[in-house]
Protein backbone atom coordinates (compact mmCIF):
# COMPACT_ATOMS: atom_id res chain seq x y z
CA UNK A 1 0.00 0.00 0.00
CA UNK A 2 0.92 3.60 -0.57
CA UNK A 3 -0.55 6.27 1.64
CA UNK A 4 -0.98 9.85 0.58
CA UNK A 5 -1.03 12.60 3.16
CA UNK A 6 -2.71 15.77 1.97
CA UNK A 7 -2.71 18.96 4.02
CA UNK A 8 -5.01 21.77 2.92
CA UNK A 9 -4.26 25.15 4.49
CA UNK A 10 -7.37 27.27 4.16
CA UNK A 11 -7.72 30.95 3.52
CA UNK A 12 -8.45 32.45 6.99
CA UNK A 13 -12.01 31.70 8.09
CA UNK A 14 -12.74 29.25 5.25
CA UNK A 15 -12.12 25.91 7.00
CA UNK A 16 -15.87 25.42 7.69
CA UNK A 17 -16.57 25.77 3.96
CA UNK A 18 -13.90 23.19 3.13
CA UNK A 19 -15.21 20.73 5.71
CA UNK A 20 -18.75 21.14 4.38
CA UNK A 21 -17.55 20.58 0.80
CA UNK A 22 -15.78 17.36 1.75
CA UNK A 23 -18.71 16.08 3.79
CA UNK A 24 -21.43 16.86 1.26
CA UNK A 25 -19.68 16.67 -2.13
CA UNK A 26 -16.08 15.49 -2.28
CA UNK A 27 -16.47 12.21 -0.40
CA UNK A 28 -19.31 11.14 -2.71
CA UNK A 29 -17.08 11.84 -5.70
CA UNK A 30 -14.19 9.96 -4.07
CA UNK A 31 -16.53 6.99 -3.71
CA UNK A 32 -17.64 7.31 -7.34
CA UNK A 33 -13.99 7.10 -8.44
CA UNK A 34 -12.94 4.37 -6.00
CA UNK A 35 -10.71 6.66 -3.94
CA UNK A 36 -10.27 5.19 -0.43
CA UNK A 37 -9.83 7.52 2.50
CA UNK A 38 -7.92 6.42 5.58
CA UNK A 39 -8.83 9.36 7.82
CA UNK A 40 -9.59 13.07 8.04
CA UNK A 41 -8.25 15.39 10.73
CA UNK A 42 -8.32 19.02 11.79
CA UNK A 43 -5.50 20.56 13.79
CA UNK A 44 -6.08 20.82 17.54
CA UNK A 45 -2.58 22.05 18.42
CA UNK A 46 -0.04 23.07 15.82
CA UNK A 47 1.08 25.78 13.48
CA UNK A 48 -2.39 26.54 12.13
CA UNK A 49 -5.96 25.69 13.10
CA UNK A 50 -7.03 26.44 9.52
CA UNK A 51 -5.86 23.09 8.14
CA UNK A 52 -7.50 19.89 7.03
CA UNK A 53 -5.21 16.86 6.88
CA UNK A 54 -6.33 13.61 5.34
CA UNK A 55 -4.95 10.27 4.25
CA UNK A 56 -5.73 8.31 1.11
CA UNK A 57 -4.83 4.64 0.54
CA UNK A 58 -3.58 3.47 -2.85
CA UNK A 59 -2.61 0.04 -4.14
CA UNK A 60 0.01 1.55 -6.46
CA UNK A 61 1.18 4.78 -8.09
CA UNK A 62 -0.61 3.70 -11.26
CA UNK A 63 -3.91 3.39 -9.38
CA UNK A 64 -3.40 6.83 -7.87
CA UNK A 65 -2.66 8.40 -11.23
CA UNK A 66 -5.71 6.84 -12.89
CA UNK A 67 -8.23 7.55 -10.13
CA UNK A 68 -6.95 10.98 -9.08
CA UNK A 69 -6.91 12.18 -12.69
CA UNK A 70 -10.46 10.89 -13.21
CA UNK A 71 -11.61 12.72 -10.07
CA UNK A 72 -9.91 16.00 -10.94
CA UNK A 73 -11.34 16.02 -14.46
CA UNK A 74 -14.85 14.92 -13.45
CA UNK A 75 -17.31 17.59 -14.64
CA UNK A 76 -19.31 17.15 -11.41
CA UNK A 77 -16.19 18.01 -9.34
CA UNK A 78 -15.29 20.97 -11.55
CA UNK A 79 -18.81 22.38 -11.24
CA UNK A 80 -19.04 21.73 -7.49
CA UNK A 81 -15.67 23.32 -6.84
CA UNK A 82 -16.64 26.43 -8.81
CA UNK A 83 -19.98 26.65 -7.00
CA UNK A 84 -18.46 26.27 -3.53
CA UNK A 85 -15.85 28.92 -4.33
CA UNK A 86 -18.38 31.45 -5.60
CA UNK A 87 -17.85 33.40 -2.35
CA UNK A 88 -14.08 33.24 -2.75
CA UNK A 89 -11.15 30.88 -2.65
CA UNK A 90 -11.23 28.24 0.10
CA UNK A 91 -7.77 26.65 0.04
CA UNK A 92 -4.61 28.73 0.13
CA UNK A 93 -2.21 25.87 -0.53
CA UNK A 94 -1.97 22.08 -0.56
CA UNK A 95 0.94 19.91 0.51
CA UNK A 96 0.91 16.26 -0.58
CA UNK A 97 3.26 13.42 0.30
CA UNK A 98 3.22 9.80 -0.85
CA UNK A 99 4.31 7.43 1.92
CA UNK A 100 5.15 3.74 2.07
CA UNK A 101 4.93 1.82 5.38
CA UNK A 102 8.12 0.51 6.95
CA UNK A 103 8.52 -3.19 7.69
CA UNK A 104 7.67 -2.50 11.35
CA UNK A 105 4.67 -0.23 10.77
CA UNK A 106 1.35 -1.15 12.37
CA UNK A 107 -0.27 0.18 9.20
CA UNK A 108 0.63 -1.87 6.11
C-alpha atoms as a PDB file:
ATOM      1  CA  UNK A   1       0.000   0.000   0.000  1.00  0.00           C
ATOM      2  CA  UNK A   2       0.925   3.597  -0.569  1.00  0.00           C
ATOM      3  CA  UNK A   3      -0.550   6.268   1.642  1.00  0.00           C
ATOM      4  CA  UNK A   4      -0.985   9.846   0.579  1.00  0.00           C
ATOM      5  CA  UNK A   5      -1.033  12.601   3.165  1.00  0.00           C
ATOM      6  CA  UNK A   6      -2.707  15.770   1.967  1.00  0.00           C
ATOM      7  CA  UNK A   7      -2.710  18.962   4.019  1.00  0.00           C
ATOM      8  CA  UNK A   8      -5.009  21.772   2.920  1.00  0.00           C
ATOM      9  CA  UNK A   9      -4.264  25.147   4.486  1.00  0.00           C
ATOM     10  CA  UNK A  10      -7.370  27.268   4.163  1.00  0.00           C
ATOM     11  CA  UNK A  11      -7.724  30.948   3.522  1.00  0.00           C
ATOM     12  CA  UNK A  12      -8.450  32.452   6.986  1.00  0.00           C
ATOM     13  CA  UNK A  13     -12.007  31.696   8.092  1.00  0.00           C
ATOM     14  CA  UNK A  14     -12.745  29.253   5.249  1.00  0.00           C
ATOM     15  CA  UNK A  15     -12.115  25.915   7.003  1.00  0.00           C
ATOM     16  CA  UNK A  16     -15.869  25.419   7.689  1.00  0.00           C
ATOM     17  CA  UNK A  17     -16.572  25.774   3.955  1.00  0.00           C
ATOM     18  CA  UNK A  18     -13.895  23.186   3.134  1.00  0.00           C
ATOM     19  CA  UNK A  19     -15.212  20.728   5.711  1.00  0.00           C
ATOM     20  CA  UNK A  20     -18.752  21.136   4.379  1.00  0.00           C
ATOM     21  CA  UNK A  21     -17.554  20.581   0.801  1.00  0.00           C
ATOM     22  CA  UNK A  22     -15.775  17.358   1.752  1.00  0.00           C
ATOM     23  CA  UNK A  23     -18.711  16.080   3.791  1.00  0.00           C
ATOM     24  CA  UNK A  24     -21.429  16.856   1.259  1.00  0.00           C
ATOM     25  CA  UNK A  25     -19.680  16.671  -2.126  1.00  0.00           C
ATOM     26  CA  UNK A  26     -16.083  15.491  -2.277  1.00  0.00           C
ATOM     27  CA  UNK A  27     -16.474  12.208  -0.399  1.00  0.00           C
ATOM     28  CA  UNK A  28     -19.315  11.140  -2.709  1.00  0.00           C
ATOM     29  CA  UNK A  29     -17.081  11.835  -5.704  1.00  0.00           C
ATOM     30  CA  UNK A  30     -14.189   9.963  -4.071  1.00  0.00           C
ATOM     31  CA  UNK A  31     -16.534   6.988  -3.710  1.00  0.00           C
ATOM     32  CA  UNK A  32     -17.638   7.313  -7.342  1.00  0.00           C
ATOM     33  CA  UNK A  33     -13.994   7.099  -8.443  1.00  0.00           C
ATOM     34  CA  UNK A  34     -12.944   4.371  -6.001  1.00  0.00           C
ATOM     35  CA  UNK A  35     -10.711   6.659  -3.940  1.00  0.00           C
ATOM     36  CA  UNK A  36     -10.266   5.192  -0.432  1.00  0.00           C
ATOM     37  CA  UNK A  37      -9.826   7.521   2.496  1.00  0.00           C
ATOM     38  CA  UNK A  38      -7.917   6.416   5.584  1.00  0.00           C
ATOM     39  CA  UNK A  39      -8.831   9.364   7.822  1.00  0.00           C
ATOM     40  CA  UNK A  40      -9.587  13.073   8.039  1.00  0.00           C
ATOM     41  CA  UNK A  41      -8.250  15.387  10.730  1.00  0.00           C
ATOM     42  CA  UNK A  42      -8.320  19.016  11.794  1.00  0.00           C
ATOM     43  CA  UNK A  43      -5.502  20.557  13.788  1.00  0.00           C
ATOM     44  CA  UNK A  44      -6.080  20.817  17.536  1.00  0.00           C
ATOM     45  CA  UNK A  45      -2.580  22.046  18.419  1.00  0.00           C
ATOM     46  CA  UNK A  46      -0.035  23.072  15.817  1.00  0.00           C
ATOM     47  CA  UNK A  47       1.081  25.783  13.481  1.00  0.00           C
ATOM     48  CA  UNK A  48      -2.393  26.542  12.134  1.00  0.00           C
ATOM     49  CA  UNK A  49      -5.959  25.690  13.100  1.00  0.00           C
ATOM     50  CA  UNK A  50      -7.030  26.441   9.523  1.00  0.00           C
ATOM     51  CA  UNK A  51      -5.862  23.089   8.143  1.00  0.00           C
ATOM     52  CA  UNK A  52      -7.497  19.889   7.032  1.00  0.00           C
ATOM     53  CA  UNK A  53      -5.206  16.858   6.885  1.00  0.00           C
ATOM     54  CA  UNK A  54      -6.329  13.610   5.339  1.00  0.00           C
ATOM     55  CA  UNK A  55      -4.950  10.272   4.250  1.00  0.00           C
ATOM     56  CA  UNK A  56      -5.729   8.307   1.114  1.00  0.00           C
ATOM     57  CA  UNK A  57      -4.829   4.643   0.543  1.00  0.00           C
ATOM     58  CA  UNK A  58      -3.578   3.466  -2.849  1.00  0.00           C
ATOM     59  CA  UNK A  59      -2.607   0.035  -4.145  1.00  0.00           C
ATOM     60  CA  UNK A  60       0.014   1.552  -6.465  1.00  0.00           C
ATOM     61  CA  UNK A  61       1.181   4.777  -8.087  1.00  0.00           C
ATOM     62  CA  UNK A  62      -0.608   3.700 -11.258  1.00  0.00           C
ATOM     63  CA  UNK A  63      -3.912   3.389  -9.379  1.00  0.00           C
ATOM     64  CA  UNK A  64      -3.404   6.831  -7.867  1.00  0.00           C
ATOM     65  CA  UNK A  65      -2.658   8.404 -11.232  1.00  0.00           C
ATOM     66  CA  UNK A  66      -5.705   6.844 -12.887  1.00  0.00           C
ATOM     67  CA  UNK A  67      -8.232   7.550 -10.133  1.00  0.00           C
ATOM     68  CA  UNK A  68      -6.950  10.978  -9.078  1.00  0.00           C
ATOM     69  CA  UNK A  69      -6.910  12.183 -12.691  1.00  0.00           C
ATOM     70  CA  UNK A  70     -10.460  10.892 -13.213  1.00  0.00           C
ATOM     71  CA  UNK A  71     -11.609  12.718 -10.066  1.00  0.00           C
ATOM     72  CA  UNK A  72      -9.908  16.003 -10.941  1.00  0.00           C
ATOM     73  CA  UNK A  73     -11.341  16.025 -14.465  1.00  0.00           C
ATOM     74  CA  UNK A  74     -14.855  14.925 -13.448  1.00  0.00           C
ATOM     75  CA  UNK A  75     -17.313  17.592 -14.641  1.00  0.00           C
ATOM     76  CA  UNK A  76     -19.313  17.147 -11.409  1.00  0.00           C
ATOM     77  CA  UNK A  77     -16.194  18.010  -9.345  1.00  0.00           C
ATOM     78  CA  UNK A  78     -15.288  20.969 -11.549  1.00  0.00           C
ATOM     79  CA  UNK A  79     -18.808  22.381 -11.242  1.00  0.00           C
ATOM     80  CA  UNK A  80     -19.038  21.730  -7.489  1.00  0.00           C
ATOM     81  CA  UNK A  81     -15.670  23.323  -6.841  1.00  0.00           C
ATOM     82  CA  UNK A  82     -16.645  26.430  -8.806  1.00  0.00           C
ATOM     83  CA  UNK A  83     -19.985  26.648  -7.003  1.00  0.00           C
ATOM     84  CA  UNK A  84     -18.460  26.266  -3.525  1.00  0.00           C
ATOM     85  CA  UNK A  85     -15.847  28.916  -4.327  1.00  0.00           C
ATOM     86  CA  UNK A  86     -18.378  31.454  -5.603  1.00  0.00           C
ATOM     87  CA  UNK A  87     -17.852  33.400  -2.348  1.00  0.00           C
ATOM     88  CA  UNK A  88     -14.081  33.242  -2.754  1.00  0.00           C
ATOM     89  CA  UNK A  89     -11.154  30.884  -2.645  1.00  0.00           C
ATOM     90  CA  UNK A  90     -11.235  28.237   0.104  1.00  0.00           C
ATOM     91  CA  UNK A  91      -7.774  26.648   0.036  1.00  0.00           C
ATOM     92  CA  UNK A  92      -4.608  28.730   0.131  1.00  0.00           C
ATOM     93  CA  UNK A  93      -2.209  25.868  -0.530  1.00  0.00           C
ATOM     94  CA  UNK A  94      -1.968  22.081  -0.563  1.00  0.00           C
ATOM     95  CA  UNK A  95       0.941  19.907   0.505  1.00  0.00           C
ATOM     96  CA  UNK A  96       0.915  16.261  -0.580  1.00  0.00           C
ATOM     97  CA  UNK A  97       3.264  13.416   0.297  1.00  0.00           C
ATOM     98  CA  UNK A  98       3.220   9.796  -0.849  1.00  0.00           C
ATOM     99  CA  UNK A  99       4.307   7.427   1.923  1.00  0.00           C
ATOM    100  CA  UNK A 100       5.150   3.738   2.074  1.00  0.00           C
ATOM    101  CA  UNK A 101       4.928   1.821   5.377  1.00  0.00           C
ATOM    102  CA  UNK A 102       8.118   0.514   6.950  1.00  0.00           C
ATOM    103  CA  UNK A 103       8.518  -3.193   7.687  1.00  0.00           C
ATOM    104  CA  UNK A 104       7.670  -2.497  11.349  1.00  0.00           C
ATOM    105  CA  UNK A 105       4.670  -0.230  10.765  1.00  0.00           C
ATOM    106  CA  UNK A 106       1.350  -1.148  12.371  1.00  0.00           C
ATOM    107  CA  UNK A 107      -0.268   0.182   9.197  1.00  0.00           C
ATOM    108  CA  UNK A 108       0.626  -1.870   6.106  1.00  0.00           C
END
